[in-house]
Amino acid sequence: MSDQNGNGAAAQPVIDIRNITKSYTMGEESLQILKGISLQVQPGEFLSIMGPSGSGKSTLMNILGALDQPTSGEYFLDGVDVSKLKERDLAKIRNQKIGFVFQSYNLLKRTTAQRQVELPLIYGGKPNRGQRAKAALEAVGLQTRLGHLPSELSGGQQQRVAIARALVNEPSIILADEATGNLDSRSGMEVLQIFQRLNREQHITIIFITHDAWTARHTNRVVMLRDGDIIADQPITQPLVAGEAERPSEAAELEGIFHSTYATNEVVEPAL
């Protein structure tokens, strides 16, 4: 297999998880959340992980983000097996390799936008913090909001601060957990545009955790979970370009699902 430059060697996956399981003990019973998942993500991919509540997608995200350890299996991040690291080493990996964007923004109420973005650099002991934070905020279109508090920013602007904070350490991957879930349609589209631009122009590996098929259609690959297993892993051949297509109404989406269901006489996932 050749890499993208035709050099005859496959690129090393940025994420390589092998037979990952996750179980929790509740009294005398063991509850298995992930049931032997294997997944590779190549550098520069933009994919979404979908699944209903209880499918295991949040548990998988926590493992991918080095926020939790698997019960068994291996997880290689940039070639390093992080599945058995201690918490101190996991924290270092998170700071250096992974950027997080959450549905609820997770901003400090009395901290300016620039200071919010500087925080990962402070924790990592990085130099030129002010300059790097300003550059990250400029990349998401907030160069005029450096001194603003969260209460002085719209929801979409707060999420852009969170994206800048995720970017500032130049991570290997960005994990976005329902990143448009709290936003109105216009702000959500602006956030999708930013992610698509970052992926296209800076080749940042981005993983969306989402339950929304419309959001997933803006990525290049979708992985579907159900009951702790991967039930589908497929490319999206014609990803939507954020801002160029209107979201169909809920009625139209439901009609499409019902048509697919009854036409094939089997239950299917919402069409991507």
C-alpha atoms as a PDB file:
ATOM      1  CA  MET A   1       0.000   0.000   0.000  1.00  0.00           C
ATOM      2  CA  SER A   2       1.317   3.452  -0.869  1.00  0.00           C
ATOM      3  CA  ASP A   3       0.935   6.668   1.039  1.00  0.00           C
ATOM      4  CA  GLN A   4      -0.610   9.775  -0.484  1.00  0.00           C
ATOM      5  CA  ASN A   5       2.748  10.766  -1.987  1.00  0.00           C
ATOM      6  CA  GLY A   6       3.257   7.395  -3.635  1.00  0.00           C
ATOM      7  CA  ASN A   7       6.273   6.507  -1.516  1.00  0.00           C
ATOM      8  CA  GLY A   8       5.328   2.847  -1.189  1.00  0.00           C
ATOM      9  CA  ALA A   9       4.641   2.841   2.556  1.00  0.00           C
ATOM     10  CA  ALA A  10       1.307   3.340   4.264  1.00  0.00           C
ATOM     11  CA  ALA A  11       1.013   6.318   6.594  1.00  0.00           C
ATOM     12  CA  GLN A  12       0.924   5.430  10.274  1.00  0.00           C
ATOM     13  CA  PRO A  13      -2.601   5.861  11.650  1.00  0.00           C
ATOM     14  CA  VAL A  14      -2.962   8.722  14.096  1.00  0.00           C
ATOM     15  CA  ILE A  15      -5.414   6.471  15.985  1.00  0.00           C
ATOM     16  CA  ASP A  16      -5.220   2.678  16.025  1.00  0.00           C
ATOM     17  CA  ILE A  17      -7.447   0.875  18.517  1.00  0.00           C
ATOM     18  CA  ARG A  18      -7.368  -2.902  18.633  1.00  0.00           C
ATOM     19  CA  ASN A  19     -10.071  -5.052  20.234  1.00  0.00           C
ATOM     20  CA  ILE A  20     -10.952  -2.421  22.832  1.00  0.00           C
ATOM     21  CA  THR A  21     -13.426  -3.449  25.524  1.00  0.00           C
ATOM     22  CA  LYS A  22     -14.846  -1.465  28.419  1.00  0.00           C
ATOM     23  CA  SER A  23     -16.773  -2.949  31.334  1.00  0.00           C
ATOM     24  CA  TYR A  24     -18.108  -1.558  34.589  1.00  0.00           C
ATOM     25  CA  THR A  25     -18.863  -3.578  37.709  1.00  0.00           C
ATOM     26  CA  MET A  26     -22.214  -2.857  39.317  1.00  0.00           C
ATOM     27  CA  GLY A  27     -22.597  -4.907  42.470  1.00  0.00           C
ATOM     28  CA  GLU A  28     -22.137  -8.511  41.456  1.00  0.00           C
ATOM     29  CA  GLU A  29     -22.832  -7.823  37.787  1.00  0.00           C
ATOM     30  CA  SER A  30     -20.467  -6.676  35.036  1.00  0.00           C
ATOM     31  CA  LEU A  31     -21.855  -4.290  32.419  1.00  0.00           C
ATOM     32  CA  GLN A  32     -19.977  -4.425  29.114  1.00  0.00           C
ATOM     33  CA  ILE A  33     -20.172  -1.119  27.227  1.00  0.00           C
ATOM     34  CA  LEU A  34     -17.658  -1.713  24.419  1.00  0.00           C
ATOM     35  CA  LYS A  35     -17.364  -5.231  23.013  1.00  0.00           C
ATOM     36  CA  GLY A  36     -14.058  -5.509  21.199  1.00  0.00           C
ATOM     37  CA  ILE A  37     -13.879  -2.447  18.933  1.00  0.00           C
ATOM     38  CA  SER A  38     -11.092  -2.043  16.387  1.00  0.00           C
ATOM     39  CA  LEU A  39     -10.725   1.187  14.418  1.00  0.00           C
ATOM     40  CA  GLN A  40      -8.044   3.073  12.509  1.00  0.00           C
ATOM     41  CA  VAL A  41      -8.058   6.792  11.771  1.00  0.00           C
ATOM     42  CA  GLN A  42      -5.550   8.164   9.281  1.00  0.00           C
ATOM     43  CA  PRO A  43      -3.857  11.583   9.605  1.00  0.00           C
ATOM     44  CA  GLY A  44      -6.051  14.302   8.143  1.00  0.00           C
ATOM     45  CA  GLU A  45      -9.313  12.348   8.248  1.00  0.00           C
ATOM     46  CA  PHE A  46     -12.602  14.034   9.120  1.00  0.00           C
ATOM     47  CA  LEU A  47     -15.025  11.462  10.453  1.00  0.00           C
ATOM     48  CA  SER A  48     -18.069  11.186  12.655  1.00  0.00           C
ATOM     49  CA  ILE A  49     -18.983   8.554  15.206  1.00  0.00           C
ATOM     50  CA  MET A  50     -22.741   8.083  15.485  1.00  0.00           C
ATOM     51  CA  GLY A  51     -25.004   6.060  17.675  1.00  0.00           C
ATOM     52  CA  PRO A  52     -28.152   6.278  19.801  1.00  0.00           C
ATOM     53  CA  SER A  53     -28.055   6.752  23.547  1.00  0.00           C
ATOM     54  CA  GLY A  54     -26.459   3.705  25.151  1.00  0.00           C
ATOM     55  CA  SER A  55     -24.548   2.698  22.012  1.00  0.00           C
ATOM     56  CA  GLY A  56     -21.150   3.313  23.613  1.00  0.00           C
ATOM     57  CA  LYS A  57     -20.123   6.396  21.645  1.00  0.00           C
ATOM     58  CA  SER A  58     -19.470   8.541  24.731  1.00  0.00           C
ATOM     59  CA  THR A  59     -17.415   5.750  26.315  1.00  0.00           C
ATOM     60  CA  LEU A  60     -15.438   5.382  23.097  1.00  0.00           C
ATOM     61  CA  MET A  61     -14.873   9.143  22.964  1.00  0.00           C
ATOM     62  CA  ASN A  62     -13.514   9.121  26.529  1.00  0.00           C
ATOM     63  CA  ILE A  63     -11.046   6.383  25.593  1.00  0.00           C
ATOM     64  CA  LEU A  64     -10.017   8.111  22.349  1.00  0.00           C
ATOM     65  CA  GLY A  65      -9.497  11.314  24.336  1.00  0.00           C
ATOM     66  CA  ALA A  66      -7.373   9.540  26.968  1.00  0.00           C
ATOM     67  CA  LEU A  67      -9.959  10.521  29.575  1.00  0.00           C
ATOM     68  CA  ASP A  68     -10.528   6.873  30.469  1.00  0.00           C
ATOM     69  CA  GLN A  69      -8.732   3.565  30.063  1.00  0.00           C
ATOM     70  CA  PRO A  70     -10.115   0.466  28.317  1.00  0.00           C
ATOM     71  CA  THR A  71     -10.690  -2.728  30.254  1.00  0.00           C
ATOM     72  CA  SER A  72      -8.717  -4.629  27.621  1.00  0.00           C
ATOM     73  CA  GLY A  73      -7.223  -4.059  24.198  1.00  0.00           C
ATOM     74  CA  GLU A  74      -4.659  -1.644  22.797  1.00  0.00           C
ATOM     75  CA  TYR A  75      -4.847   2.037  21.826  1.00  0.00           C
ATOM     76  CA  PHE A  76      -2.018   3.546  19.806  1.00  0.00           C
ATOM     77  CA  LEU A  77      -2.036   7.334  19.455  1.00  0.00           C
ATOM     78  CA  ASP A  78       0.634   8.562  17.040  1.00  0.00           C
ATOM     79  CA  GLY A  79       2.295   5.175  17.486  1.00  0.00           C
ATOM     80  CA  VAL A  80       2.349   5.284  21.308  1.00  0.00           C
ATOM     81  CA  ASP A  81       0.326   2.697  23.251  1.00  0.00           C
ATOM     82  CA  VAL A  82      -1.658   4.831  25.694  1.00  0.00           C
ATOM     83  CA  SER A  83      -4.015   2.054  26.831  1.00  0.00           C
ATOM     84  CA  LYS A  84      -1.933   1.245  29.901  1.00  0.00           C
ATOM     85  CA  LEU A  85      -0.504   4.643  30.842  1.00  0.00           C
ATOM     86  CA  LYS A  86      -0.910   6.085  34.329  1.00  0.00           C
ATOM     87  CA  GLU A  87      -3.061   9.162  34.882  1.00  0.00           C
ATOM     88  CA  ARG A  88      -0.115  11.565  34.996  1.00  0.00           C
ATOM     89  CA  ASP A  89       1.115  10.365  31.608  1.00  0.00           C
ATOM     90  CA  LEU A  90      -2.413  10.412  30.211  1.00  0.00           C
ATOM     91  CA  ALA A  91      -2.763  14.061  31.237  1.00  0.00           C
ATOM     92  CA  LYS A  92       0.426  14.891  29.364  1.00  0.00           C
ATOM     93  CA  ILE A  93      -0.816  13.055  26.267  1.00  0.00           C
ATOM     94  CA  ARG A  94      -4.135  14.916  26.421  1.00  0.00           C
ATOM     95  CA  ASN A  95      -2.414  18.281  26.635  1.00  0.00           C
ATOM     96  CA  GLN A  96       0.042  17.593  23.826  1.00  0.00           C
ATOM     97  CA  LYS A  97      -1.924  15.476  21.384  1.00  0.00           C
ATOM     98  CA  ILE A  98      -5.675  16.045  21.764  1.00  0.00           C
ATOM     99  CA  GLY A  99      -7.927  19.077  21.477  1.00  0.00           C
ATOM    100  CA  PHE A 100     -11.453  18.890  22.906  1.00  0.00           C
ATOM    101  CA  VAL A 101     -14.582  20.793  21.890  1.00  0.00           C
ATOM    102  CA  PHE A 102     -17.696  20.093  23.966  1.00  0.00           C
ATOM    103  CA  GLN A 103     -21.369  20.847  23.498  1.00  0.00           C
ATOM    104  CA  SER A 104     -21.443  23.079  26.589  1.00  0.00           C
ATOM    105  CA  TYR A 105     -18.283  25.081  25.632  1.00  0.00           C
ATOM    106  CA  ASN A 106     -16.699  24.625  29.111  1.00  0.00           C
ATOM    107  CA  LEU A 107     -15.491  28.229  29.371  1.00  0.00           C
ATOM    108  CA  LEU A 108     -14.590  29.988  32.620  1.00  0.00           C
ATOM    109  CA  LYS A 109     -17.137  32.713  33.390  1.00  0.00           C
ATOM    110  CA  ARG A 110     -14.711  35.452  34.520  1.00  0.00           C
ATOM    111  CA  THR A 111     -11.944  34.779  31.998  1.00  0.00           C
ATOM    112  CA  THR A 112     -11.413  36.630  28.716  1.00  0.00           C
ATOM    113  CA  ALA A 113     -11.378  34.840  25.377  1.00  0.00           C
ATOM    114  CA  GLN A 114      -7.623  35.251  25.007  1.00  0.00           C
ATOM    115  CA  ARG A 115      -6.947  33.949  28.503  1.00  0.00           C
ATOM    116  CA  GLN A 116      -9.243  30.944  27.909  1.00  0.00           C
ATOM    117  CA  VAL A 117      -7.146  29.990  24.895  1.00  0.00           C
ATOM    118  CA  GLU A 118      -3.876  30.512  26.773  1.00  0.00           C
ATOM    119  CA  LEU A 119      -4.806  27.996  29.489  1.00  0.00           C
ATOM    120  CA  PRO A 120      -3.579  24.833  27.689  1.00  0.00           C
ATOM    121  CA  LEU A 121      -0.307  26.637  26.971  1.00  0.00           C
ATOM    122  CA  ILE A 122       0.061  27.575  30.637  1.00  0.00           C
ATOM    123  CA  TYR A 123      -0.523  23.967  31.720  1.00  0.00           C
ATOM    124  CA  GLY A 124       2.023  22.790  29.155  1.00  0.00           C
ATOM    125  CA  GLY A 125       4.621  25.430  30.033  1.00  0.00           C
ATOM    126  CA  LYS A 126       4.684  26.741  26.451  1.00  0.00           C
ATOM    127  CA  PRO A 127       6.288  30.088  25.493  1.00  0.00           C
ATOM    128  CA  ASN A 128       4.748  32.969  23.480  1.00  0.00           C
ATOM    129  CA  ARG A 129       1.332  32.261  24.962  1.00  0.00           C
ATOM    130  CA  GLY A 130      -0.281  35.581  24.128  1.00  0.00           C
ATOM    131  CA  GLN A 131       0.855  35.544  20.519  1.00  0.00           C
ATOM    132  CA  ARG A 132      -0.221  31.946  19.975  1.00  0.00           C
ATOM    133  CA  ALA A 133      -3.626  32.518  21.601  1.00  0.00           C
ATOM    134  CA  LYS A 134      -4.247  35.568  19.405  1.00  0.00           C
ATOM    135  CA  ALA A 135      -3.338  33.560  16.287  1.00  0.00           C
ATOM    136  CA  ALA A 136      -5.736  30.752  17.269  1.00  0.00           C
ATOM    137  CA  LEU A 137      -8.579  33.213  17.881  1.00  0.00           C
ATOM    138  CA  GLU A 138      -7.860  34.910  14.565  1.00  0.00           C
ATOM    139  CA  ALA A 139      -8.108  31.498  12.854  1.00  0.00           C
ATOM    140  CA  VAL A 140     -11.725  31.236  14.037  1.00  0.00           C
ATOM    141  CA  GLY A 141     -12.615  34.844  13.242  1.00  0.00           C
ATOM    142  CA  LEU A 142     -12.498  36.284  16.771  1.00  0.00           C
ATOM    143  CA  GLN A 143      -9.550  38.649  16.501  1.00  0.00           C
ATOM    144  CA  THR A 144     -11.790  41.526  17.671  1.00  0.00           C
ATOM    145  CA  ARG A 145     -13.084  39.640  20.738  1.00  0.00           C
ATOM    146  CA  LEU A 146      -9.826  38.946  22.590  1.00  0.00           C
ATOM    147  CA  GLY A 147     -10.814  40.777  25.779  1.00  0.00           C
ATOM    148  CA  HIS A 148     -14.451  39.692  25.910  1.00  0.00           C
ATOM    149  CA  LEU A 149     -15.911  37.489  28.663  1.00  0.00           C
ATOM    150  CA  PRO A 150     -18.204  34.562  27.801  1.00  0.00           C
ATOM    151  CA  SER A 151     -21.236  36.593  28.924  1.00  0.00           C
ATOM    152  CA  GLU A 152     -20.340  39.154  26.233  1.00  0.00           C
ATOM    153  CA  LEU A 153     -20.250  36.547  23.461  1.00  0.00           C
ATOM    154  CA  SER A 154     -22.977  34.718  21.579  1.00  0.00           C
ATOM    155  CA  GLY A 155     -23.243  30.938  21.771  1.00  0.00           C
ATOM    156  CA  GLY A 156     -21.552  30.575  18.401  1.00  0.00           C
ATOM    157  CA  GLN A 157     -18.722  32.880  19.463  1.00  0.00           C
ATOM    158  CA  GLN A 158     -18.248  30.959  22.711  1.00  0.00           C
ATOM    159  CA  GLN A 159     -17.943  27.720  20.737  1.00  0.00           C
ATOM    160  CA  ARG A 160     -15.367  29.372  18.477  1.00  0.00           C
ATOM    161  CA  VAL A 161     -13.346  30.292  21.569  1.00  0.00           C
ATOM    162  CA  ALA A 162     -13.516  26.618  22.550  1.00  0.00           C
ATOM    163  CA  ILE A 163     -12.292  25.622  19.074  1.00  0.00           C
ATOM    164  CA  ALA A 164      -9.391  28.085  19.327  1.00  0.00           C
ATOM    165  CA  ARG A 165      -8.511  26.626  22.726  1.00  0.00           C
ATOM    166  CA  ALA A 166      -8.511  23.136  21.198  1.00  0.00           C
ATOM    167  CA  LEU A 167      -6.252  24.318  18.365  1.00  0.00           C
ATOM    168  CA  VAL A 168      -3.657  26.286  20.268  1.00  0.00           C
ATOM    169  CA  ASN A 169      -1.421  23.333  21.194  1.00  0.00           C
ATOM    170  CA  GLU A 170      -1.423  22.071  17.586  1.00  0.00           C
ATOM    171  CA  PRO A 171      -2.876  18.673  18.571  1.00  0.00           C
ATOM    172  CA  SER A 172      -2.792  15.500  16.490  1.00  0.00           C
ATOM    173  CA  ILE A 173      -6.582  15.240  16.677  1.00  0.00           C
ATOM    174  CA  ILE A 174      -9.588  17.289  17.683  1.00  0.00           C
ATOM    175  CA  LEU A 175     -12.489  15.489  19.369  1.00  0.00           C
ATOM    176  CA  ALA A 176     -15.761  17.395  19.024  1.00  0.00           C
ATOM    177  CA  ASP A 177     -18.567  16.045  21.217  1.00  0.00           C
ATOM    178  CA  GLU A 178     -21.934  17.290  19.872  1.00  0.00           C
ATOM    179  CA  ALA A 179     -20.146  20.559  19.071  1.00  0.00           C
ATOM    180  CA  THR A 180     -23.174  22.100  17.338  1.00  0.00           C
ATOM    181  CA  GLY A 181     -25.781  20.685  19.733  1.00  0.00           C
ATOM    182  CA  ASN A 182     -26.391  23.896  21.707  1.00  0.00           C
ATOM    183  CA  LEU A 183     -26.305  26.242  18.720  1.00  0.00           C
ATOM    184  CA  ASP A 184     -28.975  27.691  16.451  1.00  0.00           C
ATOM    185  CA  SER A 185     -28.836  26.604  12.815  1.00  0.00           C
ATOM    186  CA  ARG A 186     -26.821  29.615  11.614  1.00  0.00           C
ATOM    187  CA  SER A 187     -24.202  29.389  14.372  1.00  0.00           C
ATOM    188  CA  GLY A 188     -24.011  25.614  13.940  1.00  0.00           C
ATOM    189  CA  MET A 189     -23.317  26.042  10.235  1.00  0.00           C
ATOM    190  CA  GLU A 190     -20.582  28.582  10.961  1.00  0.00           C
ATOM    191  CA  VAL A 191     -18.928  26.109  13.328  1.00  0.00           C
ATOM    192  CA  LEU A 192     -19.141  23.356  10.697  1.00  0.00           C
ATOM    193  CA  GLN A 193     -17.535  25.720   8.186  1.00  0.00           C
ATOM    194  CA  ILE A 194     -14.635  26.304  10.575  1.00  0.00           C
ATOM    195  CA  PHE A 195     -14.080  22.585  11.097  1.00  0.00           C
ATOM    196  CA  GLN A 196     -14.207  21.888   7.365  1.00  0.00           C
ATOM    197  CA  ARG A 197     -11.714  24.672   6.687  1.00  0.00           C
ATOM    198  CA  LEU A 198      -9.340  23.466   9.412  1.00  0.00           C
ATOM    199  CA  ASN A 199      -9.477  19.951   8.011  1.00  0.00           C
ATOM    200  CA  ARG A 200      -9.079  21.051   4.392  1.00  0.00           C
ATOM    201  CA  GLU A 201      -6.409  23.718   4.831  1.00  0.00           C
ATOM    202  CA  GLN A 202      -4.464  22.553   7.889  1.00  0.00           C
ATOM    203  CA  HIS A 203      -5.109  18.797   7.496  1.00  0.00           C
ATOM    204  CA  ILE A 204      -6.137  18.480  11.151  1.00  0.00           C
ATOM    205  CA  THR A 205      -7.653  15.122  12.050  1.00  0.00           C
ATOM    206  CA  ILE A 206     -11.169  15.772  13.357  1.00  0.00           C
ATOM    207  CA  ILE A 207     -13.614  13.343  14.967  1.00  0.00           C
ATOM    208  CA  PHE A 208     -17.227  14.374  15.547  1.00  0.00           C
ATOM    209  CA  ILE A 209     -19.270  12.502  18.151  1.00  0.00           C
ATOM    210  CA  THR A 210     -22.860  13.074  17.098  1.00  0.00           C
ATOM    211  CA  HIS A 211     -26.352  11.603  16.937  1.00  0.00           C
ATOM    212  CA  ASP A 212     -27.286  13.920  14.058  1.00  0.00           C
ATOM    213  CA  ALA A 213     -27.168  12.464  10.533  1.00  0.00           C
ATOM    214  CA  TRP A 214     -27.197  15.951   8.984  1.00  0.00           C
ATOM    215  CA  THR A 215     -24.040  16.922  10.866  1.00  0.00           C
ATOM    216  CA  ALA A 216     -22.404  13.611   9.950  1.00  0.00           C
ATOM    217  CA  ARG A 217     -23.011  14.260   6.256  1.00  0.00           C
ATOM    218  CA  HIS A 218     -20.528  17.149   6.445  1.00  0.00           C
ATOM    219  CA  THR A 219     -17.710  14.738   7.321  1.00  0.00           C
ATOM    220  CA  ASN A 220     -15.871  12.308   5.045  1.00  0.00           C
ATOM    221  CA  ARG A 221     -16.511   9.049   6.899  1.00  0.00           C
ATOM    222  CA  VAL A 222     -19.079   7.774   9.358  1.00  0.00           C
ATOM    223  CA  VAL A 223     -18.691   5.044  11.973  1.00  0.00           C
ATOM    224  CA  MET A 224     -21.938   3.798  13.517  1.00  0.00           C
ATOM    225  CA  LEU A 225     -22.162   2.114  16.919  1.00  0.00           C
ATOM    226  CA  ARG A 226     -24.915   0.014  18.411  1.00  0.00           C
ATOM    227  CA  ASP A 227     -24.776  -1.873  21.721  1.00  0.00           C
ATOM    228  CA  GLY A 228     -21.003  -1.483  22.001  1.00  0.00           C
ATOM    229  CA  ASP A 229     -20.179  -2.749  18.497  1.00  0.00           C
ATOM    230  CA  ILE A 230     -19.345  -1.034  15.215  1.00  0.00           C
ATOM    231  CA  ILE A 231     -22.221  -1.887  12.859  1.00  0.00           C
ATOM    232  CA  ALA A 232     -21.151   0.314   9.921  1.00  0.00           C
ATOM    233  CA  ASP A 233     -18.003   2.091   8.776  1.00  0.00           C
ATOM    234  CA  GLN A 234     -18.312   3.800   5.432  1.00  0.00           C
ATOM    235  CA  PRO A 235     -17.019   6.788   3.480  1.00  0.00           C
ATOM    236  CA  ILE A 236     -19.331   9.636   2.573  1.00  0.00           C
ATOM    237  CA  THR A 237     -18.687   9.983  -1.124  1.00  0.00           C
ATOM    238  CA  GLN A 238     -20.098  13.490  -1.482  1.00  0.00           C
ATOM    239  CA  PRO A 239     -19.828  15.330   1.853  1.00  0.00           C
ATOM    240  CA  LEU A 240     -22.015  18.379   2.197  1.00  0.00           C
ATOM    241  CA  VAL A 241     -20.246  21.729   2.097  1.00  0.00           C
ATOM    242  CA  ALA A 242     -21.311  23.750   5.135  1.00  0.00           C
ATOM    243  CA  GLY A 243     -23.452  26.689   4.107  1.00  0.00           C
ATOM    244  CA  GLU A 244     -24.232  25.429   0.595  1.00  0.00           C
ATOM    245  CA  ALA A 245     -27.176  23.176   1.391  1.00  0.00           C
ATOM    246  CA  GLU A 246     -30.237  23.779   3.537  1.00  0.00           C
ATOM    247  CA  ARG A 247     -31.145  21.283   6.203  1.00  0.00           C
ATOM    248  CA  PRO A 248     -34.279  19.340   5.232  1.00  0.00           C
ATOM    249  CA  SER A 249     -37.277  19.677   7.475  1.00  0.00           C
ATOM    250  CA  GLU A 250     -37.887  17.065  10.145  1.00  0.00           C
ATOM    251  CA  ALA A 251     -40.874  15.819   8.145  1.00  0.00           C
ATOM    252  CA  ALA A 252     -38.736  15.289   5.043  1.00  0.00           C
ATOM    253  CA  GLU A 253     -36.096  13.428   7.040  1.00  0.00           C
ATOM    254  CA  LEU A 254     -38.730  11.178   8.615  1.00  0.00           C
ATOM    255  CA  GLU A 255     -40.315  10.509   5.232  1.00  0.00           C
ATOM    256  CA  GLY A 256     -36.928   9.407   3.893  1.00  0.00           C
ATOM    257  CA  ILE A 257     -36.375   7.078   6.846  1.00  0.00           C
ATOM    258  CA  PHE A 258     -39.852   5.557   6.533  1.00  0.00           C
ATOM    259  CA  HIS A 259     -39.440   5.100   2.779  1.00  0.00           C
ATOM    260  CA  SER A 260     -36.125   3.313   3.241  1.00  0.00           C
ATOM    261  CA  THR A 261     -37.520   1.187   6.045  1.00  0.00           C
ATOM    262  CA  TYR A 262     -40.668  -0.023   4.284  1.00  0.00           C
ATOM    263  CA  ALA A 263     -39.125  -0.238   0.820  1.00  0.00           C
ATOM    264  CA  THR A 264     -36.448  -2.649   2.051  1.00  0.00           C
ATOM    265  CA  ASN A 265     -38.681  -4.303   4.676  1.00  0.00           C
ATOM    266  CA  GLU A 266     -36.002  -3.860   7.350  1.00  0.00           C
ATOM    267  CA  VAL A 267     -35.020  -1.259   9.913  1.00  0.00           C
ATOM    268  CA  VAL A 268     -32.143   0.888   8.723  1.00  0.00           C
ATOM    269  CA  GLU A 269     -30.107   3.726  10.108  1.00  0.00           C
ATOM    270  CA  PRO A 270     -31.086   7.272   8.992  1.00  0.00           C
ATOM    271  CA  ALA A 271     -29.728   7.857   5.497  1.00  0.00           C
ATOM    272  CA  LEU A 272     -26.414   9.653   5.209  1.00  0.00           C
END
